[in-house]
């Protein structure tokens, strides 16, 4: 999920180039249609607030593809401001998009991916190094990271591989589109293309390991 975002689109292209068969999901109808046409495979329009729809993505992908070896979720939204400045509605939005949505997608995927398969999402370096003015934003990402860690332990019986990508600040414009506040002074971000290339490389290595185990 997240195929219409900057990172999701790059990841879809990289996975396609490596020969993966994709089932795409995203919230921008025009971008999703263009991505599906360019890369092939089924596509499904979805919104992060539709948690039932998020949970149904993996069963849909399994039906469309015939087999499901992994699910990657690249969705997220930024929000900045001191804790007392962030409205409760905005905090709820951050948790819905950054935690509840990816958790719903991956929860629905636990019993759909093949034994030894992959469940993956990006949380970000903010989990390890939360800055002042990011209390709710960092907490929403940390919640997802904690959730992934527990699911990794629960999935050992089926050899599920759960990946938590702690991506650094990237030059995608993500921090320039917060739902509240303004981003603190940040250094120049890393190249998103290189980051996605490395991320997909880790996915490929994990898939190979799962196939051999």
N, C-alpha and C. Protein backbone atom coordinates (compact mmCIF):
# COMPACT_ATOMS: atom_id res chain seq x y z
N UNK A 1 0.84 -1.19 0.00
CA UNK A 1 0.00 0.00 0.00
C UNK A 1 0.88 1.24 0.00
N UNK A 2 0.39 2.32 -0.65
CA UNK A 2 1.15 3.56 -0.73
C UNK A 2 1.78 3.76 -2.09
N UNK A 3 1.27 3.05 -3.10
CA UNK A 3 1.89 3.07 -4.42
C UNK A 3 1.81 4.43 -5.11
N UNK A 4 0.94 5.32 -4.64
CA UNK A 4 0.82 6.62 -5.29
C UNK A 4 1.65 7.69 -4.59
N UNK A 5 2.31 7.36 -3.50
CA UNK A 5 3.20 8.30 -2.83
C UNK A 5 4.59 8.25 -3.43
N UNK A 6 5.45 9.17 -3.02
CA UNK A 6 6.79 9.27 -3.60
C UNK A 6 7.59 7.98 -3.39
N UNK A 7 7.68 7.51 -2.16
CA UNK A 7 8.45 6.31 -1.88
C UNK A 7 7.76 5.06 -2.42
N UNK A 8 6.46 4.99 -2.26
CA UNK A 8 5.73 3.82 -2.73
C UNK A 8 5.85 3.63 -4.22
N UNK A 9 5.80 4.74 -4.96
CA UNK A 9 5.93 4.64 -6.42
C UNK A 9 7.32 4.16 -6.81
N UNK A 10 8.35 4.72 -6.16
CA UNK A 10 9.72 4.28 -6.44
C UNK A 10 9.89 2.80 -6.10
N UNK A 11 9.32 2.38 -4.98
CA UNK A 11 9.44 0.97 -4.58
C UNK A 11 8.73 0.05 -5.58
N UNK A 12 7.57 0.47 -6.05
CA UNK A 12 6.84 -0.33 -7.03
C UNK A 12 7.65 -0.49 -8.31
N UNK A 13 8.27 0.60 -8.75
CA UNK A 13 9.10 0.52 -9.95
C UNK A 13 10.28 -0.41 -9.75
N UNK A 14 10.92 -0.30 -8.58
CA UNK A 14 12.09 -1.13 -8.28
C UNK A 14 11.72 -2.60 -8.19
N UNK A 15 10.61 -2.89 -7.53
CA UNK A 15 10.17 -4.27 -7.41
C UNK A 15 9.80 -4.85 -8.78
N UNK A 16 9.12 -4.04 -9.58
CA UNK A 16 8.76 -4.48 -10.93
C UNK A 16 10.01 -4.79 -11.75
N UNK A 17 11.02 -3.94 -11.64
CA UNK A 17 12.26 -4.14 -12.38
C UNK A 17 12.96 -5.44 -11.96
N UNK A 18 12.72 -5.86 -10.73
CA UNK A 18 13.31 -7.10 -10.24
C UNK A 18 12.45 -8.32 -10.56
N UNK A 19 11.35 -8.10 -11.27
CA UNK A 19 10.51 -9.21 -11.71
C UNK A 19 9.36 -9.57 -10.81
N UNK A 20 9.09 -8.73 -9.81
CA UNK A 20 7.98 -9.03 -8.90
C UNK A 20 6.64 -8.78 -9.57
N UNK A 21 5.66 -9.63 -9.27
CA UNK A 21 4.29 -9.41 -9.70
C UNK A 21 3.59 -8.62 -8.60
N UNK A 22 2.99 -7.49 -8.95
CA UNK A 22 2.51 -6.55 -7.96
C UNK A 22 0.99 -6.41 -7.97
N UNK A 23 0.44 -6.23 -6.79
CA UNK A 23 -0.93 -5.77 -6.61
C UNK A 23 -0.80 -4.44 -5.89
N UNK A 24 -1.23 -3.37 -6.52
CA UNK A 24 -0.97 -2.02 -6.03
C UNK A 24 -2.18 -1.44 -5.32
N UNK A 25 -1.92 -0.59 -4.33
CA UNK A 25 -3.00 0.10 -3.64
C UNK A 25 -2.54 1.50 -3.29
N UNK A 26 -3.45 2.47 -3.40
CA UNK A 26 -3.12 3.85 -3.09
C UNK A 26 -4.37 4.69 -3.08
N UNK A 27 -4.22 5.96 -2.71
CA UNK A 27 -5.41 6.81 -2.56
C UNK A 27 -5.60 7.83 -3.67
N UNK A 28 -4.61 7.99 -4.55
CA UNK A 28 -4.73 8.93 -5.66
C UNK A 28 -5.16 8.15 -6.90
N UNK A 29 -6.40 8.35 -7.32
CA UNK A 29 -6.97 7.52 -8.38
C UNK A 29 -6.20 7.63 -9.69
N UNK A 30 -5.85 8.85 -10.10
CA UNK A 30 -5.16 9.02 -11.37
C UNK A 30 -3.75 8.43 -11.33
N UNK A 31 -3.02 8.70 -10.26
CA UNK A 31 -1.68 8.14 -10.14
C UNK A 31 -1.71 6.62 -10.07
N UNK A 32 -2.69 6.08 -9.37
CA UNK A 32 -2.80 4.64 -9.25
C UNK A 32 -3.07 4.00 -10.60
N UNK A 33 -3.95 4.60 -11.37
CA UNK A 33 -4.25 4.06 -12.69
C UNK A 33 -3.02 4.10 -13.59
N UNK A 34 -2.27 5.20 -13.53
CA UNK A 34 -1.06 5.32 -14.34
C UNK A 34 -0.01 4.31 -13.92
N UNK A 35 0.13 4.13 -12.62
CA UNK A 35 1.11 3.17 -12.10
C UNK A 35 0.75 1.75 -12.50
N UNK A 36 -0.53 1.42 -12.40
CA UNK A 36 -0.99 0.09 -12.76
C UNK A 36 -0.77 -0.17 -14.25
N UNK A 37 -1.04 0.85 -15.06
CA UNK A 37 -0.85 0.69 -16.51
C UNK A 37 0.62 0.50 -16.85
N UNK A 38 1.49 1.24 -16.16
CA UNK A 38 2.92 1.18 -16.46
C UNK A 38 3.56 -0.12 -15.98
N UNK A 39 3.12 -0.60 -14.83
CA UNK A 39 3.77 -1.75 -14.22
C UNK A 39 2.99 -3.04 -14.37
N UNK A 40 1.73 -2.94 -14.76
CA UNK A 40 0.90 -4.12 -14.87
C UNK A 40 0.41 -4.56 -13.51
N UNK A 41 -0.52 -5.48 -13.51
CA UNK A 41 -1.05 -5.99 -12.25
C UNK A 41 -2.27 -5.22 -11.80
N UNK A 42 -3.03 -5.81 -10.88
CA UNK A 42 -4.27 -5.19 -10.39
C UNK A 42 -3.96 -4.00 -9.49
N UNK A 43 -4.94 -3.14 -9.32
CA UNK A 43 -4.80 -1.97 -8.46
C UNK A 43 -6.11 -1.72 -7.73
N UNK A 44 -6.01 -1.19 -6.52
CA UNK A 44 -7.19 -0.95 -5.71
C UNK A 44 -7.07 0.40 -5.01
N UNK A 45 -8.10 1.20 -5.13
CA UNK A 45 -8.15 2.51 -4.49
C UNK A 45 -8.50 2.32 -3.03
N UNK A 46 -7.74 2.99 -2.14
CA UNK A 46 -7.98 2.81 -0.71
C UNK A 46 -7.60 4.08 0.03
N UNK A 47 -8.25 4.33 1.15
CA UNK A 47 -7.94 5.46 1.99
C UNK A 47 -7.51 4.95 3.36
N UNK A 48 -6.58 5.65 3.98
CA UNK A 48 -6.03 5.20 5.26
C UNK A 48 -7.09 5.12 6.35
N UNK A 49 -8.15 5.90 6.24
CA UNK A 49 -9.19 5.88 7.25
C UNK A 49 -10.15 4.70 7.10
N UNK A 50 -10.08 4.03 5.97
CA UNK A 50 -10.93 2.86 5.74
C UNK A 50 -10.19 1.64 6.26
N UNK A 51 -10.24 1.42 7.57
CA UNK A 51 -9.47 0.34 8.17
C UNK A 51 -9.96 -1.03 7.73
N UNK A 52 -11.26 -1.18 7.53
CA UNK A 52 -11.77 -2.46 7.02
C UNK A 52 -11.24 -2.72 5.62
N UNK A 53 -11.21 -1.67 4.80
CA UNK A 53 -10.66 -1.81 3.46
C UNK A 53 -9.18 -2.12 3.49
N UNK A 54 -8.47 -1.50 4.43
CA UNK A 54 -7.03 -1.78 4.58
C UNK A 54 -6.81 -3.25 4.94
N UNK A 55 -7.60 -3.75 5.87
CA UNK A 55 -7.45 -5.14 6.30
C UNK A 55 -7.80 -6.12 5.19
N UNK A 56 -8.61 -5.67 4.23
CA UNK A 56 -9.03 -6.56 3.14
C UNK A 56 -8.06 -6.55 1.96
N UNK A 57 -7.02 -5.71 2.01
CA UNK A 57 -6.11 -5.60 0.87
C UNK A 57 -5.35 -6.90 0.60
N UNK A 58 -4.80 -7.51 1.63
CA UNK A 58 -4.01 -8.73 1.42
C UNK A 58 -4.87 -9.87 0.89
N UNK A 59 -6.06 -10.13 1.45
CA UNK A 59 -6.91 -11.17 0.85
C UNK A 59 -7.25 -10.88 -0.61
N UNK A 60 -7.48 -9.60 -0.93
CA UNK A 60 -7.74 -9.22 -2.32
C UNK A 60 -6.53 -9.51 -3.19
N UNK A 61 -5.34 -9.12 -2.73
CA UNK A 61 -4.12 -9.34 -3.51
C UNK A 61 -3.87 -10.83 -3.71
N UNK A 62 -4.11 -11.62 -2.68
CA UNK A 62 -3.92 -13.07 -2.80
C UNK A 62 -4.85 -13.64 -3.85
N UNK A 63 -6.08 -13.20 -3.86
CA UNK A 63 -7.05 -13.69 -4.85
C UNK A 63 -6.64 -13.26 -6.25
N UNK A 64 -6.17 -12.02 -6.39
CA UNK A 64 -5.80 -11.52 -7.71
C UNK A 64 -4.54 -12.18 -8.25
N UNK A 65 -3.56 -12.41 -7.40
CA UNK A 65 -2.25 -12.90 -7.84
C UNK A 65 -2.12 -14.41 -7.77
N UNK A 66 -2.94 -15.04 -6.93
CA UNK A 66 -2.85 -16.49 -6.78
C UNK A 66 -1.89 -16.92 -5.69
N UNK A 67 -0.96 -16.05 -5.33
CA UNK A 67 0.00 -16.31 -4.25
C UNK A 67 0.48 -14.96 -3.74
N UNK A 68 0.84 -14.91 -2.48
CA UNK A 68 1.27 -13.65 -1.89
C UNK A 68 2.49 -13.93 -1.03
N UNK A 69 3.64 -13.43 -1.47
CA UNK A 69 4.89 -13.68 -0.76
C UNK A 69 5.30 -12.53 0.16
N UNK A 70 4.69 -11.37 -0.02
CA UNK A 70 5.06 -10.27 0.84
C UNK A 70 4.12 -9.08 0.68
N UNK A 71 4.07 -8.25 1.71
CA UNK A 71 3.27 -7.03 1.70
C UNK A 71 4.13 -5.89 2.23
N UNK A 72 4.17 -4.80 1.48
CA UNK A 72 4.94 -3.62 1.86
C UNK A 72 4.00 -2.43 1.98
N UNK A 73 4.07 -1.75 3.12
CA UNK A 73 3.23 -0.58 3.36
C UNK A 73 4.12 0.65 3.48
N UNK A 74 3.89 1.62 2.61
CA UNK A 74 4.65 2.87 2.63
C UNK A 74 3.67 4.04 2.65
N UNK A 75 3.04 4.24 3.77
CA UNK A 75 2.14 5.36 3.95
C UNK A 75 2.57 6.14 5.18
N UNK A 76 2.24 7.41 5.21
CA UNK A 76 2.59 8.19 6.38
C UNK A 76 2.29 9.66 6.18
N UNK A 77 2.24 10.37 7.29
CA UNK A 77 2.02 11.81 7.26
C UNK A 77 2.80 12.41 8.42
N UNK A 78 3.33 13.61 8.21
CA UNK A 78 4.11 14.28 9.25
C UNK A 78 3.27 15.33 9.97
N UNK A 79 3.65 15.62 11.19
CA UNK A 79 2.99 16.68 11.95
C UNK A 79 3.96 17.21 12.99
N UNK A 80 4.01 18.53 13.14
CA UNK A 80 4.99 19.14 14.03
C UNK A 80 4.31 20.12 14.99
N UNK A 81 4.97 20.36 16.10
CA UNK A 81 4.45 21.29 17.09
C UNK A 81 4.62 20.73 18.48
N UNK A 82 4.76 21.64 19.45
CA UNK A 82 4.85 21.21 20.84
C UNK A 82 3.56 20.48 21.24
N UNK A 83 3.67 19.59 22.19
CA UNK A 83 2.54 18.73 22.56
C UNK A 83 1.27 19.52 22.84
N UNK A 84 1.41 20.66 23.53
CA UNK A 84 0.22 21.42 23.89
C UNK A 84 -0.37 22.19 22.69
N UNK A 85 0.36 22.23 21.60
CA UNK A 85 -0.10 22.96 20.42
C UNK A 85 -0.83 22.07 19.41
N UNK A 86 -0.66 20.77 19.53
CA UNK A 86 -1.24 19.85 18.54
C UNK A 86 -2.67 19.52 18.94
N UNK A 87 -3.65 19.86 18.09
CA UNK A 87 -5.05 19.55 18.40
C UNK A 87 -5.26 18.03 18.50
N UNK A 88 -6.20 17.64 19.33
CA UNK A 88 -6.49 16.22 19.50
C UNK A 88 -6.89 15.57 18.17
N UNK A 89 -7.62 16.30 17.34
CA UNK A 89 -8.04 15.75 16.05
C UNK A 89 -6.84 15.47 15.15
N UNK A 90 -5.82 16.32 15.23
CA UNK A 90 -4.61 16.11 14.44
C UNK A 90 -3.83 14.92 14.98
N UNK A 91 -3.75 14.81 16.30
CA UNK A 91 -3.08 13.65 16.90
C UNK A 91 -3.76 12.35 16.46
N UNK A 92 -5.08 12.37 16.44
CA UNK A 92 -5.83 11.19 15.99
C UNK A 92 -5.51 10.88 14.53
N UNK A 93 -5.40 11.92 13.71
CA UNK A 93 -5.08 11.72 12.30
C UNK A 93 -3.70 11.09 12.14
N UNK A 94 -2.73 11.59 12.90
CA UNK A 94 -1.37 11.04 12.82
C UNK A 94 -1.36 9.55 13.18
N UNK A 95 -2.07 9.19 14.24
CA UNK A 95 -2.10 7.79 14.64
C UNK A 95 -2.89 6.94 13.64
N UNK A 96 -3.92 7.49 13.05
CA UNK A 96 -4.71 6.73 12.08
C UNK A 96 -3.88 6.39 10.84
N UNK A 97 -3.17 7.39 10.32
CA UNK A 97 -2.40 7.18 9.09
C UNK A 97 -1.10 6.44 9.35
N UNK A 98 -0.40 6.81 10.41
CA UNK A 98 0.94 6.27 10.64
C UNK A 98 0.96 4.93 11.37
N UNK A 99 -0.10 4.63 12.10
CA UNK A 99 -0.13 3.38 12.85
C UNK A 99 -1.32 2.48 12.49
N UNK A 100 -2.54 2.98 12.67
CA UNK A 100 -3.70 2.11 12.50
C UNK A 100 -3.83 1.58 11.08
N UNK A 101 -3.57 2.43 10.09
CA UNK A 101 -3.68 2.00 8.70
C UNK A 101 -2.67 0.90 8.35
N UNK A 102 -1.35 1.14 8.52
CA UNK A 102 -0.41 0.06 8.19
C UNK A 102 -0.61 -1.19 9.04
N UNK A 103 -0.98 -1.02 10.31
CA UNK A 103 -1.24 -2.19 11.14
C UNK A 103 -2.42 -3.00 10.61
N UNK A 104 -3.46 -2.31 10.15
CA UNK A 104 -4.62 -3.01 9.58
C UNK A 104 -4.23 -3.78 8.32
N UNK A 105 -3.44 -3.15 7.45
CA UNK A 105 -3.01 -3.82 6.22
C UNK A 105 -2.22 -5.08 6.56
N UNK A 106 -1.26 -4.94 7.45
CA UNK A 106 -0.37 -6.07 7.76
C UNK A 106 -1.07 -7.12 8.62
N UNK A 107 -1.99 -6.68 9.48
CA UNK A 107 -2.78 -7.65 10.25
C UNK A 107 -3.57 -8.56 9.31
N UNK A 108 -4.15 -7.93 8.28
CA UNK A 108 -4.89 -8.71 7.30
C UNK A 108 -4.01 -9.61 6.46
N UNK A 109 -2.70 -9.31 6.45
CA UNK A 109 -1.77 -10.08 5.63
C UNK A 109 -1.16 -11.27 6.35
N UNK A 110 -1.24 -11.29 7.68
CA UNK A 110 -0.55 -12.32 8.46
C UNK A 110 -0.91 -13.72 8.00
N UNK A 111 -2.17 -13.98 7.77
CA UNK A 111 -2.59 -15.32 7.37
C UNK A 111 -2.68 -15.49 5.85
N UNK A 112 -2.32 -14.44 5.11
CA UNK A 112 -2.40 -14.50 3.66
C UNK A 112 -1.05 -14.76 2.99
N UNK A 113 0.01 -14.23 3.58
CA UNK A 113 1.33 -14.43 2.96
C UNK A 113 1.77 -15.87 3.15
N UNK A 114 2.56 -16.33 2.22
CA UNK A 114 3.07 -17.69 2.28
C UNK A 114 3.99 -17.87 3.48
N UNK A 115 4.15 -19.11 3.92
CA UNK A 115 5.08 -19.39 5.01
C UNK A 115 6.48 -18.90 4.62
N UNK A 116 7.11 -18.20 5.52
CA UNK A 116 8.41 -17.59 5.21
C UNK A 116 8.29 -16.26 4.50
N UNK A 117 7.06 -15.75 4.37
CA UNK A 117 6.83 -14.51 3.63
C UNK A 117 7.19 -13.26 4.42
N UNK A 118 6.97 -12.12 3.76
CA UNK A 118 7.41 -10.83 4.28
C UNK A 118 6.25 -9.92 4.66
N UNK A 119 6.40 -9.25 5.77
CA UNK A 119 5.53 -8.13 6.14
C UNK A 119 6.48 -6.97 6.41
N UNK A 120 6.27 -5.84 5.74
CA UNK A 120 7.22 -4.74 5.86
C UNK A 120 6.53 -3.39 5.85
N UNK A 121 7.12 -2.45 6.59
CA UNK A 121 6.63 -1.08 6.63
C UNK A 121 7.80 -0.17 6.97
N UNK A 122 7.63 1.11 6.67
CA UNK A 122 8.66 2.10 7.00
C UNK A 122 8.18 2.94 8.17
N UNK A 123 9.00 3.00 9.21
CA UNK A 123 8.70 3.84 10.36
C UNK A 123 9.54 5.11 10.32
N UNK A 124 10.83 4.97 10.18
CA UNK A 124 11.70 6.14 10.07
C UNK A 124 12.65 6.29 11.23
N UNK A 125 13.69 7.08 10.99
CA UNK A 125 14.70 7.32 12.00
C UNK A 125 14.15 8.07 13.20
N UNK A 126 12.98 8.71 13.04
CA UNK A 126 12.38 9.46 14.14
C UNK A 126 12.06 8.54 15.32
N UNK A 127 11.92 7.26 15.08
CA UNK A 127 11.66 6.31 16.16
C UNK A 127 12.85 6.27 17.11
N UNK A 128 14.04 6.33 16.56
CA UNK A 128 15.26 6.27 17.37
C UNK A 128 15.71 7.63 17.87
N UNK A 129 15.38 8.69 17.11
CA UNK A 129 15.86 10.03 17.46
C UNK A 129 14.73 11.05 17.34
N UNK A 130 13.72 10.94 18.22
CA UNK A 130 12.62 11.91 18.14
C UNK A 130 13.09 13.30 18.55
N UNK A 131 12.70 14.29 17.75
CA UNK A 131 13.09 15.67 18.00
C UNK A 131 12.02 16.38 18.81
N UNK A 132 12.41 17.50 19.42
CA UNK A 132 11.42 18.34 20.07
C UNK A 132 10.41 18.80 19.03
N UNK A 133 9.16 18.90 19.44
CA UNK A 133 8.13 19.33 18.51
C UNK A 133 7.59 18.21 17.64
N UNK A 134 7.88 16.96 18.02
CA UNK A 134 7.38 15.82 17.23
C UNK A 134 6.73 14.77 18.13
N UNK A 135 6.23 15.16 19.29
CA UNK A 135 5.75 14.17 20.26
C UNK A 135 4.71 13.21 19.66
N UNK A 136 3.67 13.76 19.05
CA UNK A 136 2.61 12.90 18.52
C UNK A 136 3.04 12.18 17.24
N UNK A 137 3.76 12.87 16.40
CA UNK A 137 4.27 12.27 15.17
C UNK A 137 5.20 11.10 15.49
N UNK A 138 6.17 11.34 16.38
CA UNK A 138 7.12 10.29 16.75
C UNK A 138 6.40 9.14 17.45
N UNK A 139 5.44 9.47 18.30
CA UNK A 139 4.71 8.42 19.01
C UNK A 139 3.94 7.52 18.05
N UNK A 140 3.36 8.10 17.02
CA UNK A 140 2.60 7.29 16.06
C UNK A 140 3.50 6.33 15.30
N UNK A 141 4.69 6.78 14.95
CA UNK A 141 5.64 5.92 14.26
C UNK A 141 6.22 4.87 15.20
N UNK A 142 6.46 5.27 16.45
CA UNK A 142 6.98 4.33 17.43
C UNK A 142 5.97 3.25 17.75
N UNK A 143 4.69 3.62 17.77
CA UNK A 143 3.64 2.62 17.99
C UNK A 143 3.69 1.55 16.91
N UNK A 144 3.87 1.96 15.66
CA UNK A 144 3.95 1.00 14.57
C UNK A 144 5.20 0.13 14.72
N UNK A 145 6.32 0.73 15.10
CA UNK A 145 7.55 -0.03 15.27
C UNK A 145 7.40 -1.09 16.35
N UNK A 146 6.78 -0.71 17.47
CA UNK A 146 6.54 -1.66 18.55
C UNK A 146 5.64 -2.79 18.07
N UNK A 147 4.59 -2.44 17.36
CA UNK A 147 3.64 -3.43 16.84
C UNK A 147 4.35 -4.43 15.93
N UNK A 148 5.21 -3.91 15.04
CA UNK A 148 5.94 -4.79 14.12
C UNK A 148 6.85 -5.74 14.88
N UNK A 149 7.48 -5.23 15.94
CA UNK A 149 8.37 -6.08 16.72
C UNK A 149 7.65 -7.24 17.37
N UNK A 150 6.47 -7.00 17.90
CA UNK A 150 5.70 -8.07 18.52
C UNK A 150 5.21 -9.06 17.47
N UNK A 151 4.74 -8.54 16.33
CA UNK A 151 4.27 -9.43 15.26
C UNK A 151 5.41 -10.31 14.76
N UNK A 152 6.61 -9.78 14.72
CA UNK A 152 7.77 -10.58 14.30
C UNK A 152 7.95 -11.78 15.22
N UNK A 153 7.78 -11.56 16.51
CA UNK A 153 7.92 -12.67 17.46
C UNK A 153 6.76 -13.64 17.34
N UNK A 154 5.55 -13.11 17.14
CA UNK A 154 4.38 -13.99 17.02
C UNK A 154 4.44 -14.84 15.75
N UNK A 155 5.11 -14.34 14.72
CA UNK A 155 5.11 -15.02 13.43
C UNK A 155 6.22 -16.02 13.23
N UNK A 156 7.00 -16.27 14.27
CA UNK A 156 8.15 -17.18 14.10
C UNK A 156 7.73 -18.59 13.72
N UNK A 157 6.58 -19.03 14.21
CA UNK A 157 6.14 -20.39 13.91
C UNK A 157 5.93 -20.60 12.41
N UNK A 158 5.52 -19.51 11.72
CA UNK A 158 5.33 -19.61 10.27
C UNK A 158 6.51 -19.00 9.50
N UNK A 159 7.59 -18.71 10.24
CA UNK A 159 8.81 -18.13 9.66
C UNK A 159 8.54 -16.80 8.96
N UNK A 160 7.54 -16.08 9.43
CA UNK A 160 7.27 -14.77 8.86
C UNK A 160 8.44 -13.84 9.13
N UNK A 161 8.78 -13.05 8.15
CA UNK A 161 9.85 -12.07 8.29
C UNK A 161 9.23 -10.68 8.30
N UNK A 162 9.42 -9.98 9.40
CA UNK A 162 8.82 -8.66 9.58
C UNK A 162 9.92 -7.62 9.56
N UNK A 163 9.84 -6.70 8.61
CA UNK A 163 10.88 -5.70 8.43
C UNK A 163 10.36 -4.31 8.79
N UNK A 164 11.13 -3.61 9.58
CA UNK A 164 10.82 -2.25 10.02
C UNK A 164 11.91 -1.35 9.46
N UNK A 165 11.60 -0.63 8.41
CA UNK A 165 12.60 0.21 7.75
C UNK A 165 12.68 1.57 8.44
N UNK A 166 13.80 1.85 9.09
CA UNK A 166 14.01 3.12 9.77
C UNK A 166 14.68 4.09 8.79
N UNK A 167 13.93 4.52 7.81
CA UNK A 167 14.49 5.37 6.77
C UNK A 167 14.90 6.73 7.33
N UNK A 168 16.01 7.29 6.85
CA UNK A 168 16.43 8.61 7.29
C UNK A 168 15.58 9.70 6.62
N UNK A 169 15.85 10.93 6.97
CA UNK A 169 15.21 12.06 6.30
C UNK A 169 15.60 12.02 4.82
N UNK A 170 14.61 12.03 3.95
CA UNK A 170 14.84 11.93 2.51
C UNK A 170 14.30 13.18 1.81
N UNK A 171 14.87 13.48 0.66
CA UNK A 171 14.44 14.64 -0.13
C UNK A 171 13.22 14.27 -0.97
N UNK A 172 12.10 14.08 -0.31
CA UNK A 172 10.85 13.78 -1.01
C UNK A 172 9.83 14.90 -0.87
N UNK A 173 10.14 15.88 -0.01
CA UNK A 173 9.17 16.92 0.28
C UNK A 173 8.18 16.52 1.35
N UNK A 174 8.36 15.33 1.93
CA UNK A 174 7.43 14.81 2.94
C UNK A 174 7.31 15.75 4.13
N UNK A 175 8.45 16.20 4.64
CA UNK A 175 8.43 17.06 5.84
C UNK A 175 7.90 18.46 5.54
N UNK A 176 7.79 18.79 4.26
CA UNK A 176 7.28 20.10 3.87
C UNK A 176 5.76 20.11 3.69
N UNK A 177 5.13 18.95 3.93
CA UNK A 177 3.67 18.83 3.79
C UNK A 177 3.05 18.29 5.08
N UNK A 178 3.38 18.88 6.21
CA UNK A 178 2.82 18.37 7.46
C UNK A 178 1.35 18.72 7.60
N UNK A 179 0.64 17.94 8.40
CA UNK A 179 -0.77 18.24 8.65
C UNK A 179 -0.92 19.34 9.69
N UNK A 180 0.15 19.62 10.42
CA UNK A 180 0.14 20.73 11.37
C UNK A 180 1.57 21.16 11.64
N UNK A 181 1.75 22.44 11.95
CA UNK A 181 3.05 22.97 12.30
C UNK A 181 4.01 23.05 11.13
N UNK A 182 5.26 23.33 11.46
CA UNK A 182 6.33 23.43 10.47
C UNK A 182 7.51 22.58 10.92
N UNK A 183 8.16 21.98 9.98
CA UNK A 183 9.29 21.12 10.31
C UNK A 183 10.43 21.94 10.90
N UNK A 184 11.15 21.38 11.87
CA UNK A 184 12.34 22.06 12.37
C UNK A 184 13.41 22.10 11.29
N UNK A 185 14.45 22.86 11.54
CA UNK A 185 15.55 22.93 10.58
C UNK A 185 16.14 21.54 10.39
N UNK A 186 16.17 21.10 9.16
CA UNK A 186 16.68 19.77 8.85
C UNK A 186 17.82 19.86 7.84
N UNK A 187 18.78 18.98 7.93
CA UNK A 187 19.83 18.95 6.91
C UNK A 187 19.25 18.48 5.59
N UNK A 188 20.02 18.63 4.54
CA UNK A 188 19.59 18.12 3.24
C UNK A 188 19.34 16.63 3.34
N UNK A 189 18.19 16.20 2.85
CA UNK A 189 17.83 14.80 2.96
C UNK A 189 18.61 13.92 2.01
N UNK A 190 18.60 12.65 2.31
CA UNK A 190 19.27 11.67 1.47
C UNK A 190 18.48 11.43 0.19
N UNK A 191 19.12 10.81 -0.77
CA UNK A 191 18.51 10.51 -2.06
C UNK A 191 17.44 9.44 -1.89
N UNK A 192 16.18 9.73 -2.18
CA UNK A 192 15.13 8.72 -2.00
C UNK A 192 15.30 7.51 -2.90
N UNK A 193 15.81 7.75 -4.11
CA UNK A 193 16.02 6.62 -5.02
C UNK A 193 17.01 5.62 -4.47
N UNK A 194 18.10 6.12 -3.91
CA UNK A 194 19.10 5.23 -3.33
C UNK A 194 18.55 4.51 -2.11
N UNK A 195 17.76 5.22 -1.30
CA UNK A 195 17.18 4.61 -0.11
C UNK A 195 16.21 3.49 -0.48
N UNK A 196 15.39 3.74 -1.48
CA UNK A 196 14.43 2.72 -1.91
C UNK A 196 15.16 1.53 -2.54
N UNK A 197 16.21 1.80 -3.29
CA UNK A 197 16.99 0.72 -3.89
C UNK A 197 17.54 -0.20 -2.80
N UNK A 198 18.08 0.42 -1.73
CA UNK A 198 18.62 -0.38 -0.63
C UNK A 198 17.51 -1.13 0.08
N UNK A 199 16.37 -0.49 0.27
CA UNK A 199 15.25 -1.13 0.95
C UNK A 199 14.75 -2.34 0.17
N UNK A 200 14.58 -2.19 -1.12
CA UNK A 200 14.11 -3.30 -1.94
C UNK A 200 15.16 -4.41 -1.98
N UNK A 201 16.43 -4.02 -1.94
CA UNK A 201 17.49 -5.02 -1.85
C UNK A 201 17.37 -5.86 -0.59
N UNK A 202 17.04 -5.22 0.53
CA UNK A 202 16.84 -5.96 1.77
C UNK A 202 15.62 -6.88 1.67
N UNK A 203 14.58 -6.39 1.00
CA UNK A 203 13.40 -7.24 0.80
C UNK A 203 13.75 -8.47 -0.02
N UNK A 204 14.55 -8.27 -1.06
CA UNK A 204 14.94 -9.40 -1.93
C UNK A 204 15.79 -10.41 -1.15
N UNK A 205 16.71 -9.91 -0.32
CA UNK A 205 17.53 -10.81 0.49
C UNK A 205 16.67 -11.60 1.47
N UNK A 206 15.71 -10.90 2.09
CA UNK A 206 14.83 -11.57 3.04
C UNK A 206 13.97 -12.63 2.34
N UNK A 207 13.52 -12.30 1.13
CA UNK A 207 12.71 -13.27 0.37
C UNK A 207 13.51 -14.50 0.02
N UNK A 208 14.76 -14.31 -0.37
CA UNK A 208 15.64 -15.43 -0.68
C UNK A 208 15.87 -16.30 0.55
N UNK A 209 16.08 -15.63 1.69
CA UNK A 209 16.30 -16.35 2.93
C UNK A 209 15.07 -17.16 3.30
N UNK A 210 13.89 -16.54 3.14
CA UNK A 210 12.66 -17.24 3.47
C UNK A 210 12.42 -18.45 2.57
N UNK A 211 12.81 -18.32 1.31
CA UNK A 211 12.64 -19.43 0.38
C UNK A 211 13.57 -20.59 0.69
N UNK A 212 14.77 -20.28 1.22
CA UNK A 212 15.75 -21.31 1.53
C UNK A 212 15.52 -21.97 2.87
N UNK A 213 14.89 -21.24 3.79
CA UNK A 213 14.73 -21.76 5.16
C UNK A 213 13.79 -22.96 5.21
